[in-house]
Amino acid sequence: MAIHSFSQTNPISHPLVTELNYYPEQGMLVAFPTHYDVIYFENNSSQLTITMKTILNNIGYLLDTYKETYLVITLHTSDDLAYDRLYSVADYIAMQFKIEQERIQIMLTSQEETKHYKQYEKNWKNSTELIMPKAIIVTYDPELGMY
């Protein structure tokens, strides 16, 4: 899915975007501020609390305001509860702020990444990371003729 419509004569003209002197034919780098949060679920629960919803509302506002941004939601477990948690966060943001599904990516991490993460996070089994990346590469697909 295209991050930006290239039908406009001045693609991506936002003050938070890195300005380039040229726009390469086959892609472009779009930069915006990094945003990172962690929310913590109760043991064996996928229900969103008021505190979680406050954090998600802030993220939803950013996604709604800056249309070129997207969100990665990640967990470090891979059981059924993890899927429920991922989808409860993604559904809340998508429904409350009418954010397109393509702009919300859910991800479970590898065992190696989880081992690394456990060293820094005591409550890792209940944590969910919310990441708005600083940069995204928008590439051109010559077969489809679109970005």
C-alpha atoms as a PDB file:
ATOM      1  CA  MET A   1       0.000   0.000   0.000  1.00  0.00           C
ATOM      2  CA  ALA A   2       1.328   3.409  -0.851  1.00  0.00           C
ATOM      3  CA  ILE A   3       2.270   5.614   2.063  1.00  0.00           C
ATOM      4  CA  HIS A   4       1.640   8.754   0.035  1.00  0.00           C
ATOM      5  CA  SER A   5      -0.170   9.552  -3.159  1.00  0.00           C
ATOM      6  CA  PHE A   6       2.310  10.602  -5.801  1.00  0.00           C
ATOM      7  CA  SER A   7      -0.408  12.162  -7.913  1.00  0.00           C
ATOM      8  CA  GLN A   8       0.348  15.480  -6.204  1.00  0.00           C
ATOM      9  CA  THR A   9       3.002  17.726  -7.702  1.00  0.00           C
ATOM     10  CA  ASN A  10       4.817  18.197  -4.370  1.00  0.00           C
ATOM     11  CA  PRO A  11       4.984  14.796  -2.677  1.00  0.00           C
ATOM     12  CA  ILE A  12       5.082  14.739   1.121  1.00  0.00           C
ATOM     13  CA  SER A  13       5.343  18.348   2.161  1.00  0.00           C
ATOM     14  CA  HIS A  14       5.203  18.121   5.940  1.00  0.00           C
ATOM     15  CA  PRO A  15       7.444  20.032   8.383  1.00  0.00           C
ATOM     16  CA  LEU A  16       8.548  16.802  10.108  1.00  0.00           C
ATOM     17  CA  VAL A  17       9.713  15.223   6.868  1.00  0.00           C
ATOM     18  CA  THR A  18      13.350  15.362   5.787  1.00  0.00           C
ATOM     19  CA  GLU A  19      13.577  17.547   2.700  1.00  0.00           C
ATOM     20  CA  LEU A  20      15.505  16.186  -0.259  1.00  0.00           C
ATOM     21  CA  ASN A  21      16.774  18.227  -3.180  1.00  0.00           C
ATOM     22  CA  TYR A  22      15.496  15.519  -5.497  1.00  0.00           C
ATOM     23  CA  TYR A  23      13.127  12.574  -5.419  1.00  0.00           C
ATOM     24  CA  PRO A  24      14.713   9.384  -6.786  1.00  0.00           C
ATOM     25  CA  GLU A  25      12.697   7.558  -9.396  1.00  0.00           C
ATOM     26  CA  GLN A  26      12.694   4.234  -7.549  1.00  0.00           C
ATOM     27  CA  GLY A  27      12.214   5.269  -3.973  1.00  0.00           C
ATOM     28  CA  MET A  28      12.560   7.838  -1.310  1.00  0.00           C
ATOM     29  CA  LEU A  29      13.354   8.078   2.365  1.00  0.00           C
ATOM     30  CA  VAL A  30      10.714   9.665   4.559  1.00  0.00           C
ATOM     31  CA  ALA A  31      11.721  10.577   8.098  1.00  0.00           C
ATOM     32  CA  PHE A  32       9.652  11.583  11.114  1.00  0.00           C
ATOM     33  CA  PRO A  33      10.155  11.513  14.877  1.00  0.00           C
ATOM     34  CA  THR A  34      10.461   8.175  16.605  1.00  0.00           C
ATOM     35  CA  HIS A  35       7.787   7.362  19.146  1.00  0.00           C
ATOM     36  CA  TYR A  36       8.119   4.439  21.541  1.00  0.00           C
ATOM     37  CA  ASP A  37       5.875   3.228  24.368  1.00  0.00           C
ATOM     38  CA  VAL A  38       5.394   0.032  26.335  1.00  0.00           C
ATOM     39  CA  ILE A  39       2.054  -0.973  27.815  1.00  0.00           C
ATOM     40  CA  TYR A  40       1.613  -3.715  30.390  1.00  0.00           C
ATOM     41  CA  PHE A  41      -1.302  -6.125  30.486  1.00  0.00           C
ATOM     42  CA  GLU A  42      -2.481  -7.794  33.666  1.00  0.00           C
ATOM     43  CA  ASN A  43      -1.489 -11.458  34.023  1.00  0.00           C
ATOM     44  CA  ASN A  44      -3.566 -13.695  31.726  1.00  0.00           C
ATOM     45  CA  SER A  45      -5.592 -10.762  30.375  1.00  0.00           C
ATOM     46  CA  SER A  46      -5.944  -9.039  27.021  1.00  0.00           C
ATOM     47  CA  GLN A  47      -8.269  -6.311  28.323  1.00  0.00           C
ATOM     48  CA  LEU A  48      -7.192  -2.703  27.818  1.00  0.00           C
ATOM     49  CA  THR A  49      -7.133  -0.565  30.972  1.00  0.00           C
ATOM     50  CA  ILE A  50      -7.787   3.183  31.198  1.00  0.00           C
ATOM     51  CA  THR A  51      -4.023   3.809  31.465  1.00  0.00           C
ATOM     52  CA  MET A  52      -3.389   1.759  28.318  1.00  0.00           C
ATOM     53  CA  LYS A  53      -6.149   3.556  26.434  1.00  0.00           C
ATOM     54  CA  THR A  54      -4.610   6.923  27.359  1.00  0.00           C
ATOM     55  CA  ILE A  55      -1.302   5.848  25.802  1.00  0.00           C
ATOM     56  CA  LEU A  56      -3.086   4.384  22.768  1.00  0.00           C
ATOM     57  CA  ASN A  57      -5.103   7.594  22.359  1.00  0.00           C
ATOM     58  CA  ASN A  58      -1.848   9.580  22.144  1.00  0.00           C
ATOM     59  CA  ILE A  59      -0.539   7.200  19.489  1.00  0.00           C
ATOM     60  CA  GLY A  60      -3.838   7.267  17.629  1.00  0.00           C
ATOM     61  CA  TYR A  61      -3.695  11.062  17.601  1.00  0.00           C
ATOM     62  CA  LEU A  62      -0.190  10.958  16.072  1.00  0.00           C
ATOM     63  CA  LEU A  63      -1.291   8.437  13.436  1.00  0.00           C
ATOM     64  CA  ASP A  64      -4.348  10.529  12.631  1.00  0.00           C
ATOM     65  CA  THR A  65      -2.371  13.788  12.461  1.00  0.00           C
ATOM     66  CA  TYR A  66       0.668  12.522  10.540  1.00  0.00           C
ATOM     67  CA  LYS A  67      -0.750  10.446   7.714  1.00  0.00           C
ATOM     68  CA  GLU A  68       2.683   9.212   6.586  1.00  0.00           C
ATOM     69  CA  THR A  69       3.347   7.462   9.914  1.00  0.00           C
ATOM     70  CA  TYR A  70       2.653   3.886  10.859  1.00  0.00           C
ATOM     71  CA  LEU A  71       2.757   1.768  13.995  1.00  0.00           C
ATOM     72  CA  VAL A  72       4.479  -1.527  14.808  1.00  0.00           C
ATOM     73  CA  ILE A  73       3.014  -3.440  17.765  1.00  0.00           C
ATOM     74  CA  THR A  74       5.246  -6.205  19.072  1.00  0.00           C
ATOM     75  CA  LEU A  75       5.209  -8.859  21.791  1.00  0.00           C
ATOM     76  CA  HIS A  76       7.848 -11.290  23.005  1.00  0.00           C
ATOM     77  CA  THR A  77       5.613 -14.324  23.501  1.00  0.00           C
ATOM     78  CA  SER A  78       3.779 -16.436  20.948  1.00  0.00           C
ATOM     79  CA  ASP A  79       0.836 -18.036  22.711  1.00  0.00           C
ATOM     80  CA  ASP A  80      -2.866 -17.406  22.089  1.00  0.00           C
ATOM     81  CA  LEU A  81      -2.912 -14.661  24.705  1.00  0.00           C
ATOM     82  CA  ALA A  82      -0.203 -12.800  22.784  1.00  0.00           C
ATOM     83  CA  TYR A  83      -2.367 -12.779  19.653  1.00  0.00           C
ATOM     84  CA  ASP A  84      -5.358 -11.554  21.652  1.00  0.00           C
ATOM     85  CA  ARG A  85      -3.256  -8.739  23.098  1.00  0.00           C
ATOM     86  CA  LEU A  86      -1.833  -7.712  19.724  1.00  0.00           C
ATOM     87  CA  TYR A  87      -5.259  -7.594  18.123  1.00  0.00           C
ATOM     88  CA  SER A  88      -6.906  -5.776  21.032  1.00  0.00           C
ATOM     89  CA  VAL A  89      -4.324  -2.967  20.707  1.00  0.00           C
ATOM     90  CA  ALA A  90      -4.516  -2.863  16.897  1.00  0.00           C
ATOM     91  CA  ASP A  91      -8.332  -2.992  16.851  1.00  0.00           C
ATOM     92  CA  TYR A  92      -8.634  -0.228  19.435  1.00  0.00           C
ATOM     93  CA  ILE A  93      -6.439   2.173  17.469  1.00  0.00           C
ATOM     94  CA  ALA A  94      -7.962   1.261  14.102  1.00  0.00           C
ATOM     95  CA  MET A  95     -11.555   1.658  15.306  1.00  0.00           C
ATOM     96  CA  GLN A  96     -11.160   4.705  17.568  1.00  0.00           C
ATOM     97  CA  PHE A  97      -9.161   6.743  15.044  1.00  0.00           C
ATOM     98  CA  LYS A  98     -10.222   5.125  11.748  1.00  0.00           C
ATOM     99  CA  ILE A  99      -6.610   4.244  10.932  1.00  0.00           C
ATOM    100  CA  GLU A 100      -6.127   2.007   7.905  1.00  0.00           C
ATOM    101  CA  GLN A 101      -5.068  -1.555   8.718  1.00  0.00           C
ATOM    102  CA  GLU A 102      -2.045  -1.197   6.432  1.00  0.00           C
ATOM    103  CA  ARG A 103      -0.590   1.425   8.783  1.00  0.00           C
ATOM    104  CA  ILE A 104      -0.724  -0.876  11.818  1.00  0.00           C
ATOM    105  CA  GLN A 105       1.682  -3.812  11.748  1.00  0.00           C
ATOM    106  CA  ILE A 106       1.688  -6.538  14.376  1.00  0.00           C
ATOM    107  CA  MET A 107       4.739  -8.648  15.037  1.00  0.00           C
ATOM    108  CA  LEU A 108       5.891 -11.445  17.303  1.00  0.00           C
ATOM    109  CA  THR A 109       9.641 -11.501  17.884  1.00  0.00           C
ATOM    110  CA  SER A 110      12.093 -14.347  17.530  1.00  0.00           C
ATOM    111  CA  GLN A 111      13.391 -16.367  20.485  1.00  0.00           C
ATOM    112  CA  GLU A 112      16.795 -14.662  20.161  1.00  0.00           C
ATOM    113  CA  GLU A 113      15.243 -11.199  20.359  1.00  0.00           C
ATOM    114  CA  THR A 114      13.131 -12.291  23.325  1.00  0.00           C
ATOM    115  CA  LYS A 115      16.225 -13.528  25.188  1.00  0.00           C
ATOM    116  CA  HIS A 116      17.842 -10.141  24.654  1.00  0.00           C
ATOM    117  CA  TYR A 117      14.696  -8.245  25.684  1.00  0.00           C
ATOM    118  CA  LYS A 118      14.291 -10.290  28.914  1.00  0.00           C
ATOM    119  CA  GLN A 119      17.559  -8.839  30.195  1.00  0.00           C
ATOM    120  CA  TYR A 120      16.080  -5.332  30.210  1.00  0.00           C
ATOM    121  CA  GLU A 121      12.415  -5.900  30.999  1.00  0.00           C
ATOM    122  CA  LYS A 122      11.340  -7.630  34.220  1.00  0.00           C
ATOM    123  CA  ASN A 123       7.686  -7.867  33.209  1.00  0.00           C
ATOM    124  CA  TRP A 124       8.450  -8.945  29.626  1.00  0.00           C
ATOM    125  CA  LYS A 125       5.645 -11.519  29.405  1.00  0.00           C
ATOM    126  CA  ASN A 126       2.999  -8.827  29.904  1.00  0.00           C
ATOM    127  CA  SER A 127       4.633  -6.016  27.958  1.00  0.00           C
ATOM    128  CA  THR A 128       3.632  -4.844  24.516  1.00  0.00           C
ATOM    129  CA  GLU A 129       5.907  -2.487  22.613  1.00  0.00           C
ATOM    130  CA  LEU A 130       4.421   0.269  20.466  1.00  0.00           C
ATOM    131  CA  ILE A 131       6.902   1.646  17.953  1.00  0.00           C
ATOM    132  CA  MET A 132       6.481   4.415  15.405  1.00  0.00           C
ATOM    133  CA  PRO A 133       9.689   4.119  13.357  1.00  0.00           C
ATOM    134  CA  LYS A 134      11.813   7.158  12.601  1.00  0.00           C
ATOM    135  CA  ALA A 135      12.185   6.310   8.937  1.00  0.00           C
ATOM    136  CA  ILE A 136      10.539   4.197   6.311  1.00  0.00           C
ATOM    137  CA  ILE A 137      11.721   3.449   2.816  1.00  0.00           C
ATOM    138  CA  VAL A 138       9.057   3.888   0.190  1.00  0.00           C
ATOM    139  CA  THR A 139      10.057   1.890  -2.869  1.00  0.00           C
ATOM    140  CA  TYR A 140       8.805   1.724  -6.406  1.00  0.00           C
ATOM    141  CA  ASP A 141       7.514  -1.558  -7.849  1.00  0.00           C
ATOM    142  CA  PRO A 142       8.141  -1.401 -11.598  1.00  0.00           C
ATOM    143  CA  GLU A 143       5.978  -4.474 -12.231  1.00  0.00           C
ATOM    144  CA  LEU A 144       2.927  -2.837 -10.668  1.00  0.00           C
ATOM    145  CA  GLY A 145       3.980   0.672 -11.664  1.00  0.00           C
ATOM    146  CA  MET A 146       3.296   2.053  -8.197  1.00  0.00           C
ATOM    147  CA  TYR A 147       4.956   2.996  -4.931  1.00  0.00           C
END
